[in-house]
Amino acid sequence: MTALFADTFYWIALADSTDSAHRRALTITAERAGWLIVTTDEVLTEYLTFFSTRPSLFAARQQMVSNAC
């Protein structure tokens, strides 16, 4: 099985639909669907910190998702 390292940039782009790299993150995820994605605790800490320090950003994204459903 092939492994792919995912850094903070990837996780943020994947989670944030308004991020300029969001489509690319989705494409990479789809193209490598059978691959093992690995990351580190530090990367996940950075990811959580990014969204926890921008509650309005996260709330706005949640509202966009809710409106789309």
PDB file of N, CA and C in Angstrom:
ATOM      1  N   MET A   1       0.842  -1.174   0.000  1.00  0.00           N
ATOM      2  CA  MET A   1       0.000   0.000   0.000  1.00  0.00           C
ATOM      3  C   MET A   1       0.891   1.243   0.000  1.00  0.00           C
ATOM      4  N   THR A   2       0.536   2.203  -0.825  1.00  0.00           N
ATOM      5  CA  THR A   2       1.291   3.441  -0.917  1.00  0.00           C
ATOM      6  C   THR A   2       0.785   4.424   0.124  1.00  0.00           C
ATOM      7  N   ALA A   3       1.709   5.128   0.780  1.00  0.00           N
ATOM      8  CA  ALA A   3       1.351   6.111   1.799  1.00  0.00           C
ATOM      9  C   ALA A   3       1.579   7.522   1.271  1.00  0.00           C
ATOM     10  N   LEU A   4       0.742   8.427   1.729  1.00  0.00           N
ATOM     11  CA  LEU A   4       0.821   9.832   1.360  1.00  0.00           C
ATOM     12  C   LEU A   4       0.818  10.640   2.646  1.00  0.00           C
ATOM     13  N   PHE A   5       1.821  11.517   2.810  1.00  0.00           N
ATOM     14  CA  PHE A   5       1.869  12.368   3.999  1.00  0.00           C
ATOM     15  C   PHE A   5       0.999  13.597   3.765  1.00  0.00           C
ATOM     16  N   ALA A   6       0.099  13.870   4.688  1.00  0.00           N
ATOM     17  CA  ALA A   6      -0.773  15.041   4.593  1.00  0.00           C
ATOM     18  C   ALA A   6      -0.345  16.069   5.633  1.00  0.00           C
ATOM     19  N   ASP A   7       0.008  17.257   5.149  1.00  0.00           N
ATOM     20  CA  ASP A   7       0.410  18.318   6.073  1.00  0.00           C
ATOM     21  C   ASP A   7      -0.783  19.219   6.393  1.00  0.00           C
ATOM     22  N   THR A   8      -0.542  20.234   7.199  1.00  0.00           N
ATOM     23  CA  THR A   8      -1.607  21.135   7.624  1.00  0.00           C
ATOM     24  C   THR A   8      -2.281  21.810   6.442  1.00  0.00           C
ATOM     25  N   PHE A   9      -1.503  22.221   5.472  1.00  0.00           N
ATOM     26  CA  PHE A   9      -2.036  22.876   4.276  1.00  0.00           C
ATOM     27  C   PHE A   9      -3.111  22.014   3.619  1.00  0.00           C
ATOM     28  N   TYR A  10      -2.829  20.733   3.483  1.00  0.00           N
ATOM     29  CA  TYR A  10      -3.779  19.806   2.865  1.00  0.00           C
ATOM     30  C   TYR A  10      -5.077  19.726   3.667  1.00  0.00           C
ATOM     31  N   TRP A  11      -4.978  19.508   4.969  1.00  0.00           N
ATOM     32  CA  TRP A  11      -6.175  19.338   5.791  1.00  0.00           C
ATOM     33  C   TRP A  11      -7.036  20.588   5.798  1.00  0.00           C
ATOM     34  N   ILE A  12      -6.406  21.769   5.878  1.00  0.00           N
ATOM     35  CA  ILE A  12      -7.166  23.018   5.859  1.00  0.00           C
ATOM     36  C   ILE A  12      -7.848  23.194   4.504  1.00  0.00           C
ATOM     37  N   ALA A  13      -7.107  22.965   3.444  1.00  0.00           N
ATOM     38  CA  ALA A  13      -7.683  23.096   2.101  1.00  0.00           C
ATOM     39  C   ALA A  13      -8.833  22.112   1.899  1.00  0.00           C
ATOM     40  N   LEU A  14      -8.697  20.931   2.414  1.00  0.00           N
ATOM     41  CA  LEU A  14      -9.748  19.923   2.270  1.00  0.00           C
ATOM     42  C   LEU A  14     -11.001  20.318   3.045  1.00  0.00           C
ATOM     43  N   ALA A  15     -10.836  20.872   4.225  1.00  0.00           N
ATOM     44  CA  ALA A  15     -11.973  21.209   5.086  1.00  0.00           C
ATOM     45  C   ALA A  15     -12.643  22.526   4.743  1.00  0.00           C
ATOM     46  N   ASP A  16     -11.893  23.453   4.165  1.00  0.00           N
ATOM     47  CA  ASP A  16     -12.407  24.806   3.918  1.00  0.00           C
ATOM     48  C   ASP A  16     -12.745  24.982   2.441  1.00  0.00           C
ATOM     49  N   SER A  17     -14.028  24.962   2.139  1.00  0.00           N
ATOM     50  CA  SER A  17     -14.449  25.025   0.739  1.00  0.00           C
ATOM     51  C   SER A  17     -14.136  26.360   0.070  1.00  0.00           C
ATOM     52  N   THR A  18     -13.799  27.386   0.837  1.00  0.00           N
ATOM     53  CA  THR A  18     -13.441  28.675   0.241  1.00  0.00           C
ATOM     54  C   THR A  18     -11.933  28.843   0.090  1.00  0.00           C
ATOM     55  N   ASP A  19     -11.174  27.874   0.540  1.00  0.00           N
ATOM     56  CA  ASP A  19      -9.715  27.929   0.404  1.00  0.00           C
ATOM     57  C   ASP A  19      -9.344  27.804  -1.075  1.00  0.00           C
ATOM     58  N   SER A  20      -8.342  28.558  -1.487  1.00  0.00           N
ATOM     59  CA  SER A  20      -7.939  28.541  -2.901  1.00  0.00           C
ATOM     60  C   SER A  20      -7.429  27.181  -3.363  1.00  0.00           C
ATOM     61  N   ALA A  21      -7.018  26.342  -2.442  1.00  0.00           N
ATOM     62  CA  ALA A  21      -6.507  25.012  -2.795  1.00  0.00           C
ATOM     63  C   ALA A  21      -7.537  23.901  -2.543  1.00  0.00           C
ATOM     64  N   HIS A  22      -8.763  24.267  -2.229  1.00  0.00           N
ATOM     65  CA  HIS A  22      -9.776  23.267  -1.892  1.00  0.00           C
ATOM     66  C   HIS A  22     -10.014  22.261  -3.024  1.00  0.00           C
ATOM     67  N   ARG A  23     -10.210  22.759  -4.230  1.00  0.00           N
ATOM     68  CA  ARG A  23     -10.454  21.845  -5.359  1.00  0.00           C
ATOM     69  C   ARG A  23      -9.276  20.906  -5.583  1.00  0.00           C
ATOM     70  N   ARG A  24      -8.084  21.421  -5.452  1.00  0.00           N
ATOM     71  CA  ARG A  24      -6.890  20.584  -5.640  1.00  0.00           C
ATOM     72  C   ARG A  24      -6.817  19.508  -4.558  1.00  0.00           C
ATOM     73  N   ALA A  25      -7.145  19.864  -3.322  1.00  0.00           N
ATOM     74  CA  ALA A  25      -7.141  18.882  -2.240  1.00  0.00           C
ATOM     75  C   ALA A  25      -8.172  17.789  -2.498  1.00  0.00           C
ATOM     76  N   LEU A  26      -9.337  18.178  -3.000  1.00  0.00           N
ATOM     77  CA  LEU A  26     -10.355  17.184  -3.350  1.00  0.00           C
ATOM     78  C   LEU A  26      -9.875  16.264  -4.472  1.00  0.00           C
ATOM     79  N   THR A  27      -9.221  16.862  -5.469  1.00  0.00           N
ATOM     80  CA  THR A  27      -8.706  16.082  -6.594  1.00  0.00           C
ATOM     81  C   THR A  27      -7.655  15.084  -6.124  1.00  0.00           C
ATOM     82  N   ILE A  28      -6.729  15.545  -5.311  1.00  0.00           N
ATOM     83  CA  ILE A  28      -5.675  14.658  -4.783  1.00  0.00           C
ATOM     84  C   ILE A  28      -6.307  13.529  -3.984  1.00  0.00           C
ATOM     85  N   THR A  29      -7.292  13.852  -3.168  1.00  0.00           N
ATOM     86  CA  THR A  29      -7.962  12.835  -2.356  1.00  0.00           C
ATOM     87  C   THR A  29      -8.636  11.789  -3.244  1.00  0.00           C
ATOM     88  N   ALA A  30      -9.309  12.242  -4.281  1.00  0.00           N
ATOM     89  CA  ALA A  30      -9.997  11.317  -5.185  1.00  0.00           C
ATOM     90  C   ALA A  30      -9.012  10.469  -5.988  1.00  0.00           C
ATOM     91  N   GLU A  31      -7.945  11.094  -6.474  1.00  0.00           N
ATOM     92  CA  GLU A  31      -6.959  10.379  -7.288  1.00  0.00           C
ATOM     93  C   GLU A  31      -6.210   9.316  -6.491  1.00  0.00           C
ATOM     94  N   ARG A  32      -6.116   9.519  -5.207  1.00  0.00           N
ATOM     95  CA  ARG A  32      -5.344   8.604  -4.363  1.00  0.00           C
ATOM     96  C   ARG A  32      -6.242   7.912  -3.332  1.00  0.00           C
ATOM     97  N   ALA A  33      -7.441   7.564  -3.757  1.00  0.00           N
ATOM     98  CA  ALA A  33      -8.451   6.991  -2.862  1.00  0.00           C
ATOM     99  C   ALA A  33      -7.982   5.713  -2.171  1.00  0.00           C
ATOM    100  N   GLY A  34      -7.165   4.933  -2.820  1.00  0.00           N
ATOM    101  CA  GLY A  34      -6.698   3.691  -2.230  1.00  0.00           C
ATOM    102  C   GLY A  34      -5.429   3.823  -1.396  1.00  0.00           C
ATOM    103  N   TRP A  35      -4.909   5.033  -1.299  1.00  0.00           N
ATOM    104  CA  TRP A  35      -3.663   5.246  -0.584  1.00  0.00           C
ATOM    105  C   TRP A  35      -3.928   5.462   0.902  1.00  0.00           C
ATOM    106  N   LEU A  36      -2.944   5.140   1.693  1.00  0.00           N
ATOM    107  CA  LEU A  36      -2.987   5.401   3.121  1.00  0.00           C
ATOM    108  C   LEU A  36      -2.543   6.846   3.347  1.00  0.00           C
ATOM    109  N   ILE A  37      -3.362   7.638   4.020  1.00  0.00           N
ATOM    110  CA  ILE A  37      -2.987   9.012   4.333  1.00  0.00           C
ATOM    111  C   ILE A  37      -2.448   9.033   5.755  1.00  0.00           C
ATOM    112  N   VAL A  38      -1.225   9.524   5.897  1.00  0.00           N
ATOM    113  CA  VAL A  38      -0.601   9.612   7.215  1.00  0.00           C
ATOM    114  C   VAL A  38      -0.326  11.069   7.549  1.00  0.00           C
ATOM    115  N   THR A  39      -0.321  11.364   8.828  1.00  0.00           N
ATOM    116  CA  THR A  39      -0.025  12.716   9.299  1.00  0.00           C
ATOM    117  C   THR A  39       0.600  12.595  10.687  1.00  0.00           C
ATOM    118  N   THR A  40       0.802  13.712  11.342  1.00  0.00           N
ATOM    119  CA  THR A  40       1.396  13.692  12.680  1.00  0.00           C
ATOM    120  C   THR A  40       0.491  14.423  13.662  1.00  0.00           C
ATOM    121  N   ASP A  41       0.738  14.205  14.936  1.00  0.00           N
ATOM    122  CA  ASP A  41      -0.004  14.937  15.959  1.00  0.00           C
ATOM    123  C   ASP A  41       0.214  16.437  15.818  1.00  0.00           C
ATOM    124  N   GLU A  42       1.423  16.834  15.463  1.00  0.00           N
ATOM    125  CA  GLU A  42       1.733  18.256  15.307  1.00  0.00           C
ATOM    126  C   GLU A  42       0.904  18.884  14.189  1.00  0.00           C
ATOM    127  N   VAL A  43       0.737  18.165  13.093  1.00  0.00           N
ATOM    128  CA  VAL A  43      -0.064  18.663  11.979  1.00  0.00           C
ATOM    129  C   VAL A  43      -1.515  18.832  12.428  1.00  0.00           C
ATOM    130  N   LEU A  44      -2.037  17.852  13.130  1.00  0.00           N
ATOM    131  CA  LEU A  44      -3.417  17.944  13.599  1.00  0.00           C
ATOM    132  C   LEU A  44      -3.589  19.076  14.605  1.00  0.00           C
ATOM    133  N   THR A  45      -2.587  19.314  15.438  1.00  0.00           N
ATOM    134  CA  THR A  45      -2.625  20.438  16.375  1.00  0.00           C
ATOM    135  C   THR A  45      -2.668  21.761  15.621  1.00  0.00           C
ATOM    136  N   GLU A  46      -1.854  21.894  14.590  1.00  0.00           N
ATOM    137  CA  GLU A  46      -1.873  23.110  13.773  1.00  0.00           C
ATOM    138  C   GLU A  46      -3.228  23.298  13.100  1.00  0.00           C
ATOM    139  N   TYR A  47      -3.797  22.229  12.599  1.00  0.00           N
ATOM    140  CA  TYR A  47      -5.106  22.272  11.944  1.00  0.00           C
ATOM    141  C   TYR A  47      -6.177  22.764  12.921  1.00  0.00           C
ATOM    142  N   LEU A  48      -6.215  22.176  14.097  1.00  0.00           N
ATOM    143  CA  LEU A  48      -7.193  22.582  15.098  1.00  0.00           C
ATOM    144  C   LEU A  48      -6.968  24.009  15.562  1.00  0.00           C
ATOM    145  N   THR A  49      -5.718  24.400  15.703  1.00  0.00           N
ATOM    146  CA  THR A  49      -5.401  25.772  16.092  1.00  0.00           C
ATOM    147  C   THR A  49      -5.870  26.753  15.036  1.00  0.00           C
ATOM    148  N   PHE A  50      -5.668  26.431  13.786  1.00  0.00           N
ATOM    149  CA  PHE A  50      -6.099  27.297  12.693  1.00  0.00           C
ATOM    150  C   PHE A  50      -7.584  27.620  12.807  1.00  0.00           C
ATOM    151  N   PHE A  51      -8.421  26.612  12.989  1.00  0.00           N
ATOM    152  CA  PHE A  51      -9.856  26.849  13.059  1.00  0.00           C
ATOM    153  C   PHE A  51     -10.301  27.390  14.414  1.00  0.00           C
ATOM    154  N   SER A  52      -9.601  27.035  15.487  1.00  0.00           N
ATOM    155  CA  SER A  52     -10.004  27.540  16.804  1.00  0.00           C
ATOM    156  C   SER A  52      -9.691  29.017  16.965  1.00  0.00           C
ATOM    157  N   THR A  53      -8.715  29.523  16.236  1.00  0.00           N
ATOM    158  CA  THR A  53      -8.384  30.943  16.327  1.00  0.00           C
ATOM    159  C   THR A  53      -9.179  31.770  15.337  1.00  0.00           C
ATOM    160  N   ARG A  54      -9.998  31.125  14.550  1.00  0.00           N
ATOM    161  CA  ARG A  54     -10.840  31.815  13.575  1.00  0.00           C
ATOM    162  C   ARG A  54     -12.276  31.294  13.678  1.00  0.00           C
ATOM    163  N   PRO A  55     -12.909  31.490  14.840  1.00  0.00           N
ATOM    164  CA  PRO A  55     -14.265  30.931  15.010  1.00  0.00           C
ATOM    165  C   PRO A  55     -15.268  31.479  14.008  1.00  0.00           C
ATOM    166  N   SER A  56     -15.110  32.725  13.610  1.00  0.00           N
ATOM    167  CA  SER A  56     -16.051  33.277  12.636  1.00  0.00           C
ATOM    168  C   SER A  56     -15.882  32.603  11.277  1.00  0.00           C
ATOM    169  N   LEU A  57     -14.656  32.256  10.926  1.00  0.00           N
ATOM    170  CA  LEU A  57     -14.389  31.548   9.680  1.00  0.00           C
ATOM    171  C   LEU A  57     -15.067  30.187   9.700  1.00  0.00           C
ATOM    172  N   PHE A  58     -14.889  29.472  10.803  1.00  0.00           N
ATOM    173  CA  PHE A  58     -15.482  28.146  10.920  1.00  0.00           C
ATOM    174  C   PHE A  58     -17.007  28.233  10.941  1.00  0.00           C
ATOM    175  N   ALA A  59     -17.553  29.201  11.673  1.00  0.00           N
ATOM    176  CA  ALA A  59     -19.006  29.358  11.749  1.00  0.00           C
ATOM    177  C   ALA A  59     -19.588  29.701  10.381  1.00  0.00           C
ATOM    178  N   ALA A  60     -18.892  30.543   9.634  1.00  0.00           N
ATOM    179  CA  ALA A  60     -19.360  30.907   8.293  1.00  0.00           C
ATOM    180  C   ALA A  60     -19.384  29.681   7.390  1.00  0.00           C
ATOM    181  N   ARG A  61     -18.386  28.808   7.501  1.00  0.00           N
ATOM    182  CA  ARG A  61     -18.340  27.600   6.678  1.00  0.00           C
ATOM    183  C   ARG A  61     -19.482  26.667   7.049  1.00  0.00           C
ATOM    184  N   GLN A  62     -19.747  26.549   8.355  1.00  0.00           N
ATOM    185  CA  GLN A  62     -20.842  25.691   8.795  1.00  0.00           C
ATOM    186  C   GLN A  62     -22.171  26.202   8.253  1.00  0.00           C
ATOM    187  N   GLN A  63     -22.349  27.519   8.270  1.00  0.00           N
ATOM    188  CA  GLN A  63     -23.584  28.105   7.756  1.00  0.00           C
ATOM    189  C   GLN A  63     -23.739  27.835   6.265  1.00  0.00           C
ATOM    190  N   MET A  64     -22.637  27.922   5.525  1.00  0.00           N
ATOM    191  CA  MET A  64     -22.680  27.654   4.085  1.00  0.00           C
ATOM    192  C   MET A  64     -23.096  26.214   3.835  1.00  0.00           C
ATOM    193  N   VAL A  65     -22.574  25.301   4.620  1.00  0.00           N
ATOM    194  CA  VAL A  65     -22.910  23.885   4.458  1.00  0.00           C
ATOM    195  C   VAL A  65     -24.376  23.658   4.814  1.00  0.00           C
ATOM    196  N   SER A  66     -24.830  24.271   5.887  1.00  0.00           N
ATOM    197  CA  SER A  66     -26.227  24.123   6.312  1.00  0.00           C
ATOM    198  C   SER A  66     -27.185  24.653   5.245  1.00  0.00           C
ATOM    199  N   ASN A  67     -26.847  25.771   4.660  1.00  0.00           N
ATOM    200  CA  ASN A  67     -27.687  26.358   3.624  1.00  0.00           C
ATOM    201  C   ASN A  67     -27.723  25.503   2.355  1.00  0.00           C
ATOM    202  N   ALA A  68     -26.659  24.779   2.100  1.00  0.00           N
ATOM    203  CA  ALA A  68     -26.577  23.956   0.894  1.00  0.00           C
ATOM    204  C   ALA A  68     -27.405  22.677   1.024  1.00  0.00           C
ATOM    205  N   CYS A  69     -27.670  22.267   2.243  1.00  0.00           N
ATOM    206  CA  CYS A  69     -28.403  21.004   2.468  1.00  0.00           C
ATOM    207  C   CYS A  69     -29.864  21.136   2.338  1.00  0.00           C
TER     208      CYS A  69
END
